[in-house]
Structure formats: C-alpha cells, structure tokens
C-alpha atoms as a PDB file:
ATOM      1  CA  MET A   1     177.483 113.905  52.557  1.00  0.00           C
ATOM      2  CA  ASN A   2     175.298 113.366  49.475  1.00  0.00           C
ATOM      3  CA  ARG A   3     172.091 112.763  51.460  1.00  0.00           C
ATOM      4  CA  LEU A   4     168.453 113.835  51.231  1.00  0.00           C
ATOM      5  CA  LEU A   5     166.260 115.139  54.013  1.00  0.00           C
ATOM      6  CA  VAL A   6     163.035 113.111  53.918  1.00  0.00           C
ATOM      7  CA  GLY A   7     159.845 114.783  55.134  1.00  0.00           C
ATOM      8  CA  THR A   8     156.717 113.213  56.590  1.00  0.00           C
ATOM      9  CA  GLY A   9     154.225 115.798  55.345  1.00  0.00           C
ATOM     10  CA  ASP A  10     151.034 114.506  53.771  1.00  0.00           C
ATOM     11  CA  ARG A  11     148.513 116.005  51.354  1.00  0.00           C
ATOM     12  CA  SER A  12     146.218 117.152  54.184  1.00  0.00           C
ATOM     13  CA  GLU A  13     149.037 119.161  55.742  1.00  0.00           C
ATOM     14  CA  PHE A  14     150.137 120.447  52.342  1.00  0.00           C
ATOM     15  CA  TYR A  15     146.695 121.786  51.365  1.00  0.00           C
ATOM     16  CA  SER A  16     145.912 123.194  54.812  1.00  0.00           C
ATOM     17  CA  GLY A  17     149.371 124.763  55.154  1.00  0.00           C
ATOM     18  CA  TYR A  18     149.801 122.918  58.428  1.00  0.00           C
ATOM     19  CA  PHE A  19     153.582 122.860  58.413  1.00  0.00           C
ATOM     20  CA  THR A  20     156.347 125.287  59.298  1.00  0.00           C
ATOM     21  CA  LYS A  21     157.855 127.139  56.380  1.00  0.00           C
ATOM     22  CA  GLY A  22     161.577 126.394  56.530  1.00  0.00           C
ATOM     23  CA  GLY A  23     160.929 123.865  59.334  1.00  0.00           C
ATOM     24  CA  ASP A  24     159.233 120.551  58.653  1.00  0.00           C
ATOM     25  CA  GLY A  25     158.452 121.988  55.197  1.00  0.00           C
ATOM     26  CA  GLY A  26     162.165 122.455  54.438  1.00  0.00           C
ATOM     27  CA  VAL A  27     162.903 119.002  53.064  1.00  0.00           C
ATOM     28  CA  ASP A  28     164.277 117.491  49.869  1.00  0.00           C
ATOM     29  CA  ILE A  29     161.587 114.891  49.275  1.00  0.00           C
ATOM     30  CA  LEU A  30     158.044 114.225  50.537  1.00  0.00           C
ATOM     31  CA  PRO A  31     157.303 110.555  49.782  1.00  0.00           C
ATOM     32  CA  ILE A  32     153.774 110.517  51.264  1.00  0.00           C
ATOM     33  CA  ALA A  33     152.707 114.067  50.298  1.00  0.00           C
ATOM     34  CA  ASP A  34     150.315 112.732  47.656  1.00  0.00           C
ATOM     35  CA  LEU A  35     148.333 110.850  50.314  1.00  0.00           C
ATOM     36  CA  TYR A  36     145.755 112.421  52.611  1.00  0.00           C
ATOM     37  CA  LYS A  37     146.185 111.838  56.351  1.00  0.00           C
ATOM     38  CA  THR A  38     143.336 109.298  56.328  1.00  0.00           C
ATOM     39  CA  GLU A  39     145.039 107.441  53.451  1.00  0.00           C
ATOM     40  CA  VAL A  40     148.374 107.448  55.294  1.00  0.00           C
ATOM     41  CA  ARG A  41     146.634 105.793  58.227  1.00  0.00           C
ATOM     42  CA  ARG A  42     145.061 103.173  55.938  1.00  0.00           C
ATOM     43  CA  LEU A  43     148.485 102.540  54.403  1.00  0.00           C
ATOM     44  CA  GLY A  44     149.855 102.010  57.906  1.00  0.00           C
ATOM     45  CA  GLU A  45     147.131  99.427  58.535  1.00  0.00           C
ATOM     46  CA  ALA A  46     147.912  97.661  55.245  1.00  0.00           C
ATOM     47  CA  LEU A  47     151.596  97.563  56.189  1.00  0.00           C
ATOM     48  CA  GLY A  48     150.744  96.045  59.561  1.00  0.00           C
ATOM     49  CA  LEU A  49     151.907  98.951  61.711  1.00  0.00           C
ATOM     50  CA  SER A  50     150.936  98.961  65.347  1.00  0.00           C
ATOM     51  CA  ARG A  51     147.383 100.166  66.065  1.00  0.00           C
ATOM     52  CA  ARG A  52     148.916 102.490  68.684  1.00  0.00           C
ATOM     53  CA  ILE A  53     150.904 104.273  65.975  1.00  0.00           C
ATOM     54  CA  ILE A  54     148.087 104.383  63.415  1.00  0.00           C
ATOM     55  CA  SER A  55     145.508 105.806  65.811  1.00  0.00           C
ATOM     56  CA  LYS A  56     147.874 108.229  67.557  1.00  0.00           C
ATOM     57  CA  ARG A  57     146.548 111.803  67.580  1.00  0.00           C
ATOM     58  CA  THR A  58     148.555 114.049  65.277  1.00  0.00           C
ATOM     59  CA  SER A  59     150.596 116.627  67.152  1.00  0.00           C
ATOM     60  CA  PRO A  60     153.477 118.953  66.317  1.00  0.00           C
ATOM     61  CA  ARG A  61     154.247 118.795  70.091  1.00  0.00           C
ATOM     62  CA  LEU A  62     155.037 122.496  70.399  1.00  0.00           C
ATOM     63  CA  TRP A  63     153.401 122.538  73.856  1.00  0.00           C
ATOM     64  CA  PRO A  64     151.846 119.945  76.172  1.00  0.00           C
ATOM     65  CA  GLY A  65     148.491 118.743  74.856  1.00  0.00           C
ATOM     66  CA  HIS A  66     149.038 120.337  71.444  1.00  0.00           C
ATOM     67  CA  GLU A  67     146.905 118.496  68.870  1.00  0.00           C
ATOM     68  CA  ALA A  68     146.645 119.264  65.169  1.00  0.00           C
ATOM     69  CA  GLU A  69     142.908 118.645  64.837  1.00  0.00           C
ATOM     70  CA  ILE A  70     142.128 121.012  67.715  1.00  0.00           C
ATOM     71  CA  GLU A  71     144.348 123.715  66.238  1.00  0.00           C
ATOM     72  CA  LEU A  72     142.908 123.219  62.743  1.00  0.00           C
ATOM     73  CA  GLY A  73     139.364 123.184  64.076  1.00  0.00           C
ATOM     74  CA  PHE A  74     138.443 120.085  62.060  1.00  0.00           C
ATOM     75  CA  SER A  75     139.058 116.366  62.211  1.00  0.00           C
ATOM     76  CA  TYR A  76     141.195 114.930  59.436  1.00  0.00           C
ATOM     77  CA  ASP A  77     138.175 112.906  58.313  1.00  0.00           C
ATOM     78  CA  VAL A  78     136.296 116.155  57.610  1.00  0.00           C
ATOM     79  CA  LEU A  79     139.319 118.022  56.259  1.00  0.00           C
ATOM     80  CA  ASP A  80     140.225 115.193  53.870  1.00  0.00           C
ATOM     81  CA  SER A  81     136.640 114.801  52.687  1.00  0.00           C
ATOM     82  CA  VAL A  82     136.416 118.509  51.854  1.00  0.00           C
ATOM     83  CA  PHE A  83     139.800 118.590  50.111  1.00  0.00           C
ATOM     84  CA  LYS A  84     139.085 115.435  48.086  1.00  0.00           C
ATOM     85  CA  LEU A  85     135.817 116.823  46.748  1.00  0.00           C
ATOM     86  CA  TYR A  86     137.122 120.342  46.178  1.00  0.00           C
ATOM     87  CA  PHE A  87     140.627 119.705  44.818  1.00  0.00           C
ATOM     88  CA  ASP A  88     140.441 116.194  43.381  1.00  0.00           C
ATOM     89  CA  ARG A  89     136.858 116.103  42.102  1.00  0.00           C
ATOM     90  CA  ARG A  90     136.804 119.876  41.417  1.00  0.00           C
ATOM     91  CA  LEU A  91     133.393 120.428  42.965  1.00  0.00           C
ATOM     92  CA  GLY A  92     132.326 123.885  44.091  1.00  0.00           C
ATOM     93  CA  MET A  93     132.158 124.820  47.752  1.00  0.00           C
ATOM     94  CA  LYS A  94     128.351 124.780  47.832  1.00  0.00           C
ATOM     95  CA  THR A  95     128.293 121.287  46.333  1.00  0.00           C
ATOM     96  CA  VAL A  96     130.949 120.098  48.788  1.00  0.00           C
ATOM     97  CA  SER A  97     128.915 121.558  51.636  1.00  0.00           C
ATOM     98  CA  SER A  98     125.752 119.849  50.429  1.00  0.00           C
ATOM     99  CA  ARG A  99     127.365 116.458  49.759  1.00  0.00           C
ATOM    100  CA  LEU A 100     129.063 116.341  53.154  1.00  0.00           C
ATOM    101  CA  LYS A 101     126.142 117.939  55.011  1.00  0.00           C
ATOM    102  CA  LEU A 102     128.666 120.435  56.333  1.00  0.00           C
ATOM    103  CA  ASP A 103     128.048 124.122  56.939  1.00  0.00           C
ATOM    104  CA  LEU A 104     129.155 126.199  53.922  1.00  0.00           C
ATOM    105  CA  ASP A 105     131.097 128.511  56.246  1.00  0.00           C
ATOM    106  CA  ALA A 106     133.196 125.537  57.437  1.00  0.00           C
ATOM    107  CA  VAL A 107     134.017 124.544  53.852  1.00  0.00           C
ATOM    108  CA  GLN A 108     134.925 128.142  53.038  1.00  0.00           C
ATOM    109  CA  ARG A 109     137.226 128.330  56.098  1.00  0.00           C
ATOM    110  CA  LEU A 110     139.095 125.209  54.988  1.00  0.00           C
ATOM    111  CA  ILE A 111     139.505 126.402  51.411  1.00  0.00           C
ATOM    112  CA  SER A 112     140.549 129.847  52.690  1.00  0.00           C
ATOM    113  CA  ARG A 113     143.342 128.162  54.677  1.00  0.00           C
ATOM    114  CA  TYR A 114     144.691 126.802  51.403  1.00  0.00           C
ATOM    115  CA  HIS A 115     144.799 130.261  49.808  1.00  0.00           C
ATOM    116  CA  GLU A 116     146.122 131.990  52.940  1.00  0.00           C
ATOM    117  CA  THR A 117     149.033 129.550  53.195  1.00  0.00           C
ATOM    118  CA  ALA A 118     149.959 129.560  49.485  1.00  0.00           C
ATOM    119  CA  HIS A 119     153.254 131.305  50.320  1.00  0.00           C
ATOM    120  CA  LYS A 120     154.376 128.164  52.170  1.00  0.00           C
ATOM    121  CA  ARG A 121     154.118 126.097  49.002  1.00  0.00           C
ATOM    122  CA  GLN A 122     156.155 128.509  46.865  1.00  0.00           C
ATOM    123  CA  PRO A 123     159.889 129.106  46.711  1.00  0.00           C
ATOM    124  CA  PRO A 124     160.875 132.481  48.174  1.00  0.00           C
ATOM    125  CA  PRO A 125     160.846 135.393  45.751  1.00  0.00           C
ATOM    126  CA  ILE A 126     164.140 136.663  44.450  1.00  0.00           C
ATOM    127  CA  CYS A 127     164.765 140.381  44.466  1.00  0.00           C
ATOM    128  CA  ARG A 128     165.999 141.260  40.994  1.00  0.00           C
ATOM    129  CA  LEU A 129     168.813 143.784  41.455  1.00  0.00           C
ATOM    130  CA  ARG A 130     170.315 143.726  37.964  1.00  0.00           C
END
C-alpha cells in the first residue's frame, strides 16, 4: 500500500526504554522522538491542543490504572531533567545529582535503565551461517 507506520514515541521513552520492542517501537518513523515528554507537552500547548489532552497522565493502558510514571518510578519532569543533563549536556551522574538535588542512587537507576534497555534500540542480530 506504500504507507508508513508513524510512531508516537518521544525521547524520554526512547532513553528509558519505555516501549515494547516490536510493539509500539516497531514503526517506520518517529516524528517526535527527538523531543522529551515535557517538550511534547509544551509543543501541544503552543499548538493550542486541549488542556485535557496535554495534562493527561501517560499510560500504556495494559491494565486499569496503569500509569507510566508510577511504573517508571519517576515523574517525567525528573526523568527529563536527568536525561537532559546527562545525555545532552554530558554531565556526570554526580554532577546531575548535585544540580538537581536528587539522590545519586536515583540518577544511577535512570541511567541504568538506558543501558539495560539498549537492545530495544538496536536492530536484531543476524546469525551468520555462511
């Protein structure tokens, strides 16, 4: 049909690995994947989207009451702040912890999520049989 599957994943989900490999991560294009969740919400405000939509709690809706921030253990405000300083500004974890007045263990848990979910951001390996 010559079509593309457009995904809604953002940078926060990408770095935290908060997507299903082969599910919502199995798309052809991710137009907002360079924006953090907090930036996506600000974009929605700038575009005049309904406040109800912009402030809606993020949920994969896999079960009743399922909320992303509860499952992640952090609000997107915290998660995005850590990722911006660590990945974008290339600050060390101790510096990120100090700047955000956030426990070093919390920063380490978020950065560990990135490393633990690296397989989701890679194409599957090919077994070389020749």
